[in-house]
């Protein structure tokens, strides 16, 4: 699976998406201030079934090492 950075009008917002086997995955970066998503600093992951009208499951915290970059290919 390969994550792709979402291009949006606000350059400082970091969002990456991928989909596979009927599921959509999103990784974003939150900070306490500034543009983008607000919350405890760190990466947040979420996933949901693509073909069902359901909200996403949010995985808080940051299990990623500090040198993690979603721009790198992730193999599952």
PDB file of N, CA and C in Angstrom:
ATOM      1  N   UNK A   1       0.844  -1.152   0.000  1.00  0.00           N
ATOM      2  CA  UNK A   1       0.000   0.000   0.000  1.00  0.00           C
ATOM      3  C   UNK A   1       0.903   1.233   0.000  1.00  0.00           C
ATOM      4  N   UNK A   2       0.518   2.221  -0.793  1.00  0.00           N
ATOM      5  CA  UNK A   2       1.308   3.448  -0.869  1.00  0.00           C
ATOM      6  C   UNK A   2       0.427   4.635  -0.514  1.00  0.00           C
ATOM      7  N   UNK A   3       0.883   5.436   0.446  1.00  0.00           N
ATOM      8  CA  UNK A   3       0.162   6.634   0.849  1.00  0.00           C
ATOM      9  C   UNK A   3       0.556   7.790  -0.061  1.00  0.00           C
ATOM     10  N   UNK A   4      -0.429   8.629  -0.381  1.00  0.00           N
ATOM     11  CA  UNK A   4      -0.221   9.793  -1.232  1.00  0.00           C
ATOM     12  C   UNK A   4      -0.611  11.038  -0.451  1.00  0.00           C
ATOM     13  N   UNK A   5       0.238  12.056  -0.513  1.00  0.00           N
ATOM     14  CA  UNK A   5      -0.077  13.293   0.193  1.00  0.00           C
ATOM     15  C   UNK A   5      -1.205  14.026  -0.526  1.00  0.00           C
ATOM     16  N   UNK A   6      -2.167  14.506   0.265  1.00  0.00           N
ATOM     17  CA  UNK A   6      -3.288  15.262  -0.264  1.00  0.00           C
ATOM     18  C   UNK A   6      -2.826  16.694  -0.512  1.00  0.00           C
ATOM     19  N   UNK A   7      -3.060  17.184  -1.722  1.00  0.00           N
ATOM     20  CA  UNK A   7      -2.714  18.554  -2.067  1.00  0.00           C
ATOM     21  C   UNK A   7      -3.927  19.417  -1.729  1.00  0.00           C
ATOM     22  N   UNK A   8      -3.717  20.446  -0.911  1.00  0.00           N
ATOM     23  CA  UNK A   8      -4.812  21.332  -0.545  1.00  0.00           C
ATOM     24  C   UNK A   8      -4.317  22.773  -0.495  1.00  0.00           C
ATOM     25  N   UNK A   9      -5.223  23.734  -0.428  1.00  0.00           N
ATOM     26  CA  UNK A   9      -4.827  25.143  -0.477  1.00  0.00           C
ATOM     27  C   UNK A   9      -3.961  25.591   0.703  1.00  0.00           C
ATOM     28  N   UNK A  10      -4.058  24.908   1.832  1.00  0.00           N
ATOM     29  CA  UNK A  10      -3.243  25.267   2.996  1.00  0.00           C
ATOM     30  C   UNK A  10      -2.015  24.367   3.001  1.00  0.00           C
ATOM     31  N   UNK A  11      -0.866  24.933   2.671  1.00  0.00           N
ATOM     32  CA  UNK A  11       0.353  24.133   2.491  1.00  0.00           C
ATOM     33  C   UNK A  11       0.810  23.403   3.752  1.00  0.00           C
ATOM     34  N   UNK A  12       0.569  23.988   4.924  1.00  0.00           N
ATOM     35  CA  UNK A  12       1.102  23.413   6.159  1.00  0.00           C
ATOM     36  C   UNK A  12       0.286  22.252   6.712  1.00  0.00           C
ATOM     37  N   UNK A  13      -0.850  21.942   6.083  1.00  0.00           N
ATOM     38  CA  UNK A  13      -1.648  20.807   6.549  1.00  0.00           C
ATOM     39  C   UNK A  13      -1.063  19.532   5.954  1.00  0.00           C
ATOM     40  N   UNK A  14      -0.797  18.551   6.827  1.00  0.00           N
ATOM     41  CA  UNK A  14      -0.216  17.293   6.372  1.00  0.00           C
ATOM     42  C   UNK A  14      -1.275  16.190   6.450  1.00  0.00           C
ATOM     43  N   UNK A  15      -1.688  15.692   5.282  1.00  0.00           N
ATOM     44  CA  UNK A  15      -2.673  14.605   5.190  1.00  0.00           C
ATOM     45  C   UNK A  15      -2.201  13.638   4.108  1.00  0.00           C
ATOM     46  N   UNK A  16      -2.225  12.338   4.424  1.00  0.00           N
ATOM     47  CA  UNK A  16      -1.878  11.301   3.452  1.00  0.00           C
ATOM     48  C   UNK A  16      -3.018  10.298   3.403  1.00  0.00           C
ATOM     49  N   UNK A  17      -3.317   9.780   2.219  1.00  0.00           N
ATOM     50  CA  UNK A  17      -4.398   8.805   2.072  1.00  0.00           C
ATOM     51  C   UNK A  17      -3.932   7.578   1.293  1.00  0.00           C
ATOM     52  N   UNK A  18      -4.631   6.491   1.519  1.00  0.00           N
ATOM     53  CA  UNK A  18      -4.419   5.253   0.763  1.00  0.00           C
ATOM     54  C   UNK A  18      -5.708   4.449   0.860  1.00  0.00           C
ATOM     55  N   UNK A  19      -5.897   3.534  -0.068  1.00  0.00           N
ATOM     56  CA  UNK A  19      -7.032   2.620   0.027  1.00  0.00           C
ATOM     57  C   UNK A  19      -6.612   1.255  -0.489  1.00  0.00           C
ATOM     58  N   UNK A  20      -7.241   0.238   0.089  1.00  0.00           N
ATOM     59  CA  UNK A  20      -6.921  -1.130  -0.291  1.00  0.00           C
ATOM     60  C   UNK A  20      -8.004  -2.055   0.237  1.00  0.00           C
ATOM     61  N   UNK A  21      -8.373  -3.037  -0.557  1.00  0.00           N
ATOM     62  CA  UNK A  21      -9.314  -4.087  -0.142  1.00  0.00           C
ATOM     63  C   UNK A  21     -10.586  -3.539   0.490  1.00  0.00           C
ATOM     64  N   UNK A  22     -11.128  -2.451  -0.051  1.00  0.00           N
ATOM     65  CA  UNK A  22     -12.390  -1.920   0.435  1.00  0.00           C
ATOM     66  C   UNK A  22     -12.287  -1.027   1.658  1.00  0.00           C
ATOM     67  N   UNK A  23     -11.075  -0.638   2.034  1.00  0.00           N
ATOM     68  CA  UNK A  23     -10.885   0.233   3.185  1.00  0.00           C
ATOM     69  C   UNK A  23     -10.119   1.489   2.773  1.00  0.00           C
ATOM     70  N   UNK A  24     -10.446   2.597   3.422  1.00  0.00           N
ATOM     71  CA  UNK A  24      -9.765   3.866   3.206  1.00  0.00           C
ATOM     72  C   UNK A  24      -8.961   4.191   4.469  1.00  0.00           C
ATOM     73  N   UNK A  25      -7.729   4.626   4.288  1.00  0.00           N
ATOM     74  CA  UNK A  25      -6.846   4.956   5.403  1.00  0.00           C
ATOM     75  C   UNK A  25      -6.376   6.401   5.259  1.00  0.00           C
ATOM     76  N   UNK A  26      -6.271   7.108   6.375  1.00  0.00           N
ATOM     77  CA  UNK A  26      -5.795   8.487   6.376  1.00  0.00           C
ATOM     78  C   UNK A  26      -4.812   8.655   7.522  1.00  0.00           C
ATOM     79  N   UNK A  27      -3.718   9.345   7.256  1.00  0.00           N
ATOM     80  CA  UNK A  27      -2.765   9.729   8.288  1.00  0.00           C
ATOM     81  C   UNK A  27      -2.671  11.245   8.229  1.00  0.00           C
ATOM     82  N   UNK A  28      -2.781  11.891   9.382  1.00  0.00           N
ATOM     83  CA  UNK A  28      -2.664  13.352   9.429  1.00  0.00           C
ATOM     84  C   UNK A  28      -1.777  13.732  10.611  1.00  0.00           C
ATOM     85  N   UNK A  29      -1.354  14.981  10.608  1.00  0.00           N
ATOM     86  CA  UNK A  29      -0.526  15.475  11.701  1.00  0.00           C
ATOM     87  C   UNK A  29      -1.305  16.557  12.428  1.00  0.00           C
ATOM     88  N   UNK A  30      -1.378  16.445  13.757  1.00  0.00           N
ATOM     89  CA  UNK A  30      -2.060  17.433  14.572  1.00  0.00           C
ATOM     90  C   UNK A  30      -1.053  18.233  15.378  1.00  0.00           C
ATOM     91  N   UNK A  31      -1.395  19.477  15.647  1.00  0.00           N
ATOM     92  CA  UNK A  31      -0.592  20.316  16.538  1.00  0.00           C
ATOM     93  C   UNK A  31      -1.543  21.156  17.379  1.00  0.00           C
ATOM     94  N   UNK A  32      -1.036  21.739  18.424  1.00  0.00           N
ATOM     95  CA  UNK A  32      -1.884  22.527  19.323  1.00  0.00           C
ATOM     96  C   UNK A  32      -2.271  23.878  18.735  1.00  0.00           C
ATOM     97  N   UNK A  33      -1.489  24.387  17.795  1.00  0.00           N
ATOM     98  CA  UNK A  33      -1.782  25.694  17.211  1.00  0.00           C
ATOM     99  C   UNK A  33      -1.385  25.695  15.741  1.00  0.00           C
ATOM    100  N   UNK A  34      -1.695  26.777  15.067  1.00  0.00           N
ATOM    101  CA  UNK A  34      -1.335  26.887  13.663  1.00  0.00           C
ATOM    102  C   UNK A  34      -2.393  26.303  12.756  1.00  0.00           C
ATOM    103  N   UNK A  35      -2.099  26.243  11.449  1.00  0.00           N
ATOM    104  CA  UNK A  35      -3.082  25.714  10.508  1.00  0.00           C
ATOM    105  C   UNK A  35      -3.204  24.195  10.652  1.00  0.00           C
ATOM    106  N   UNK A  36      -4.299  23.681  10.184  1.00  0.00           N
ATOM    107  CA  UNK A  36      -4.467  22.229  10.195  1.00  0.00           C
ATOM    108  C   UNK A  36      -5.282  21.740  11.370  1.00  0.00           C
ATOM    109  N   UNK A  37      -5.133  20.460  11.654  1.00  0.00           N
ATOM    110  CA  UNK A  37      -5.904  19.807  12.701  1.00  0.00           C
ATOM    111  C   UNK A  37      -5.304  20.123  14.062  1.00  0.00           C
ATOM    112  N   UNK A  38      -6.166  20.392  15.039  1.00  0.00           N
ATOM    113  CA  UNK A  38      -5.690  20.734  16.378  1.00  0.00           C
ATOM    114  C   UNK A  38      -5.916  19.571  17.332  1.00  0.00           C
ATOM    115  N   UNK A  39      -4.924  19.324  18.161  1.00  0.00           N
ATOM    116  CA  UNK A  39      -4.971  18.256  19.138  1.00  0.00           C
ATOM    117  C   UNK A  39      -3.566  18.056  19.674  1.00  0.00           C
ATOM    118  N   UNK A  40      -3.362  17.027  20.466  1.00  0.00           N
ATOM    119  CA  UNK A  40      -2.014  16.740  20.948  1.00  0.00           C
ATOM    120  C   UNK A  40      -1.071  16.549  19.761  1.00  0.00           C
ATOM    121  N   UNK A  41       0.135  17.121  19.806  1.00  0.00           N
ATOM    122  CA  UNK A  41       1.056  17.007  18.665  1.00  0.00           C
ATOM    123  C   UNK A  41       1.376  15.555  18.324  1.00  0.00           C
ATOM    124  N   UNK A  42       1.339  15.251  17.047  1.00  0.00           N
ATOM    125  CA  UNK A  42       1.700  13.917  16.580  1.00  0.00           C
ATOM    126  C   UNK A  42       0.820  13.452  15.439  1.00  0.00           C
ATOM    127  N   UNK A  43       1.152  12.288  14.933  1.00  0.00           N
ATOM    128  CA  UNK A  43       0.401  11.698  13.826  1.00  0.00           C
ATOM    129  C   UNK A  43      -0.847  10.993  14.340  1.00  0.00           C
ATOM    130  N   UNK A  44      -1.909  11.066  13.562  1.00  0.00           N
ATOM    131  CA  UNK A  44      -3.169  10.395  13.881  1.00  0.00           C
ATOM    132  C   UNK A  44      -3.564   9.590  12.651  1.00  0.00           C
ATOM    133  N   UNK A  45      -3.948   8.355  12.873  1.00  0.00           N
ATOM    134  CA  UNK A  45      -4.380   7.500  11.765  1.00  0.00           C
ATOM    135  C   UNK A  45      -5.869   7.202  11.915  1.00  0.00           C
ATOM    136  N   UNK A  46      -6.546   7.025  10.795  1.00  0.00           N
ATOM    137  CA  UNK A  46      -7.944   6.610  10.829  1.00  0.00           C
ATOM    138  C   UNK A  46      -8.217   5.711   9.630  1.00  0.00           C
ATOM    139  N   UNK A  47      -9.250   4.903   9.754  1.00  0.00           N
ATOM    140  CA  UNK A  47      -9.632   4.012   8.657  1.00  0.00           C
ATOM    141  C   UNK A  47     -11.136   3.816   8.685  1.00  0.00           C
ATOM    142  N   UNK A  48     -11.690   3.457   7.536  1.00  0.00           N
ATOM    143  CA  UNK A  48     -13.111   3.141   7.449  1.00  0.00           C
ATOM    144  C   UNK A  48     -13.368   2.318   6.206  1.00  0.00           C
ATOM    145  N   UNK A  49     -14.444   1.535   6.213  1.00  0.00           N
ATOM    146  CA  UNK A  49     -14.829   0.814   5.001  1.00  0.00           C
ATOM    147  C   UNK A  49     -15.272   1.815   3.933  1.00  0.00           C
ATOM    148  N   UNK A  50     -14.838   1.625   2.708  1.00  0.00           N
ATOM    149  CA  UNK A  50     -15.169   2.558   1.631  1.00  0.00           C
ATOM    150  C   UNK A  50     -16.646   2.469   1.257  1.00  0.00           C
ATOM    151  N   UNK A  51     -17.194   1.277   1.199  1.00  0.00           N
ATOM    152  CA  UNK A  51     -18.534   1.080   0.652  1.00  0.00           C
ATOM    153  C   UNK A  51     -19.641   1.055   1.697  1.00  0.00           C
ATOM    154  N   UNK A  52     -19.364   1.499   2.909  1.00  0.00           N
ATOM    155  CA  UNK A  52     -20.379   1.578   3.948  1.00  0.00           C
ATOM    156  C   UNK A  52     -20.438   3.015   4.444  1.00  0.00           C
ATOM    157  N   UNK A  53     -21.627   3.489   4.722  1.00  0.00           N
ATOM    158  CA  UNK A  53     -21.802   4.855   5.188  1.00  0.00           C
ATOM    159  C   UNK A  53     -21.576   4.897   6.702  1.00  0.00           C
ATOM    160  N   UNK A  54     -20.308   4.782   7.097  1.00  0.00           N
ATOM    161  CA  UNK A  54     -19.938   4.765   8.516  1.00  0.00           C
ATOM    162  C   UNK A  54     -18.818   5.764   8.749  1.00  0.00           C
ATOM    163  N   UNK A  55     -18.740   6.238   9.974  1.00  0.00           N
ATOM    164  CA  UNK A  55     -17.657   7.135  10.357  1.00  0.00           C
ATOM    165  C   UNK A  55     -16.341   6.381  10.443  1.00  0.00           C
ATOM    166  N   UNK A  56     -15.272   7.126  10.471  1.00  0.00           N
ATOM    167  CA  UNK A  56     -13.936   6.529  10.538  1.00  0.00           C
ATOM    168  C   UNK A  56     -13.590   6.114  11.964  1.00  0.00           C
ATOM    169  N   UNK A  57     -12.755   5.101  12.076  1.00  0.00           N
ATOM    170  CA  UNK A  57     -12.182   4.674  13.353  1.00  0.00           C
ATOM    171  C   UNK A  57     -10.884   5.449  13.511  1.00  0.00           C
ATOM    172  N   UNK A  58     -10.767   6.206  14.584  1.00  0.00           N
ATOM    173  CA  UNK A  58      -9.588   7.057  14.801  1.00  0.00           C
ATOM    174  C   UNK A  58      -8.629   6.352  15.753  1.00  0.00           C
ATOM    175  N   UNK A  59      -7.368   6.327  15.388  1.00  0.00           N
ATOM    176  CA  UNK A  59      -6.327   5.733  16.216  1.00  0.00           C
ATOM    177  C   UNK A  59      -5.459   6.878  16.711  1.00  0.00           C
ATOM    178  N   UNK A  60      -5.600   7.234  17.985  1.00  0.00           N
ATOM    179  CA  UNK A  60      -4.856   8.351  18.552  1.00  0.00           C
ATOM    180  C   UNK A  60      -3.468   7.941  18.982  1.00  0.00           C
ATOM    181  N   UNK A  61      -2.689   8.912  19.371  1.00  0.00           N
ATOM    182  CA  UNK A  61      -1.317   8.645  19.759  1.00  0.00           C
ATOM    183  C   UNK A  61      -0.456   8.547  18.529  1.00  0.00           C
ATOM    184  N   UNK A  62       0.812   8.280  18.736  1.00  0.00           N
ATOM    185  CA  UNK A  62       1.717   8.192  17.609  1.00  0.00           C
ATOM    186  C   UNK A  62       2.613   6.976  17.750  1.00  0.00           C
ATOM    187  N   UNK A  63       2.213   5.854  17.147  1.00  0.00           N
ATOM    188  CA  UNK A  63       3.037   4.652  17.235  1.00  0.00           C
ATOM    189  C   UNK A  63       4.237   4.707  16.295  1.00  0.00           C
ATOM    190  N   UNK A  64       4.347   5.785  15.521  1.00  0.00           N
ATOM    191  CA  UNK A  64       5.403   5.892  14.533  1.00  0.00           C
ATOM    192  C   UNK A  64       6.676   6.439  15.157  1.00  0.00           C
ATOM    193  N   UNK A  65       7.791   5.982  14.687  1.00  0.00           N
ATOM    194  CA  UNK A  65       9.068   6.526  15.128  1.00  0.00           C
ATOM    195  C   UNK A  65       9.184   7.969  14.635  1.00  0.00           C
ATOM    196  N   UNK A  66       9.941   8.810  15.331  1.00  0.00           N
ATOM    197  CA  UNK A  66      10.056  10.211  14.924  1.00  0.00           C
ATOM    198  C   UNK A  66      10.503  10.409  13.480  1.00  0.00           C
ATOM    199  N   UNK A  67      11.250   9.478  12.912  1.00  0.00           N
ATOM    200  CA  UNK A  67      11.739   9.638  11.546  1.00  0.00           C
ATOM    201  C   UNK A  67      10.743   9.116  10.518  1.00  0.00           C
ATOM    202  N   UNK A  68       9.554   8.698  10.965  1.00  0.00           N
ATOM    203  CA  UNK A  68       8.529   8.190  10.057  1.00  0.00           C
ATOM    204  C   UNK A  68       8.100   9.279   9.089  1.00  0.00           C
ATOM    205  N   UNK A  69       7.935   8.901   7.845  1.00  0.00           N
ATOM    206  CA  UNK A  69       7.389   9.814   6.846  1.00  0.00           C
ATOM    207  C   UNK A  69       6.415   9.043   5.983  1.00  0.00           C
ATOM    208  N   UNK A  70       5.137   9.427   6.001  1.00  0.00           N
ATOM    209  CA  UNK A  70       4.175   8.712   5.155  1.00  0.00           C
ATOM    210  C   UNK A  70       4.499   8.817   3.679  1.00  0.00           C
ATOM    211  N   UNK A  71       5.413   9.711   3.320  1.00  0.00           N
ATOM    212  CA  UNK A  71       5.821   9.813   1.928  1.00  0.00           C
ATOM    213  C   UNK A  71       6.592   8.565   1.504  1.00  0.00           C
ATOM    214  N   UNK A  72       7.166   7.851   2.467  1.00  0.00           N
ATOM    215  CA  UNK A  72       7.864   6.610   2.159  1.00  0.00           C
ATOM    216  C   UNK A  72       6.823   5.525   1.891  1.00  0.00           C
ATOM    217  N   UNK A  73       7.181   4.576   1.080  1.00  0.00           N
ATOM    218  CA  UNK A  73       6.248   3.473   0.791  1.00  0.00           C
ATOM    219  C   UNK A  73       6.135   2.570   2.011  1.00  0.00           C
ATOM    220  N   UNK A  74       4.917   2.182   2.334  1.00  0.00           N
ATOM    221  CA  UNK A  74       4.651   1.296   3.457  1.00  0.00           C
ATOM    222  C   UNK A  74       4.114  -0.012   2.899  1.00  0.00           C
ATOM    223  N   UNK A  75       4.759  -1.109   3.239  1.00  0.00           N
ATOM    224  CA  UNK A  75       4.320  -2.406   2.757  1.00  0.00           C
ATOM    225  C   UNK A  75       3.544  -3.110   3.868  1.00  0.00           C
ATOM    226  N   UNK A  76       2.385  -3.634   3.515  1.00  0.00           N
ATOM    227  CA  UNK A  76       1.585  -4.381   4.484  1.00  0.00           C
ATOM    228  C   UNK A  76       1.355  -5.772   3.942  1.00  0.00           C
TER     229      UNK A  76
END
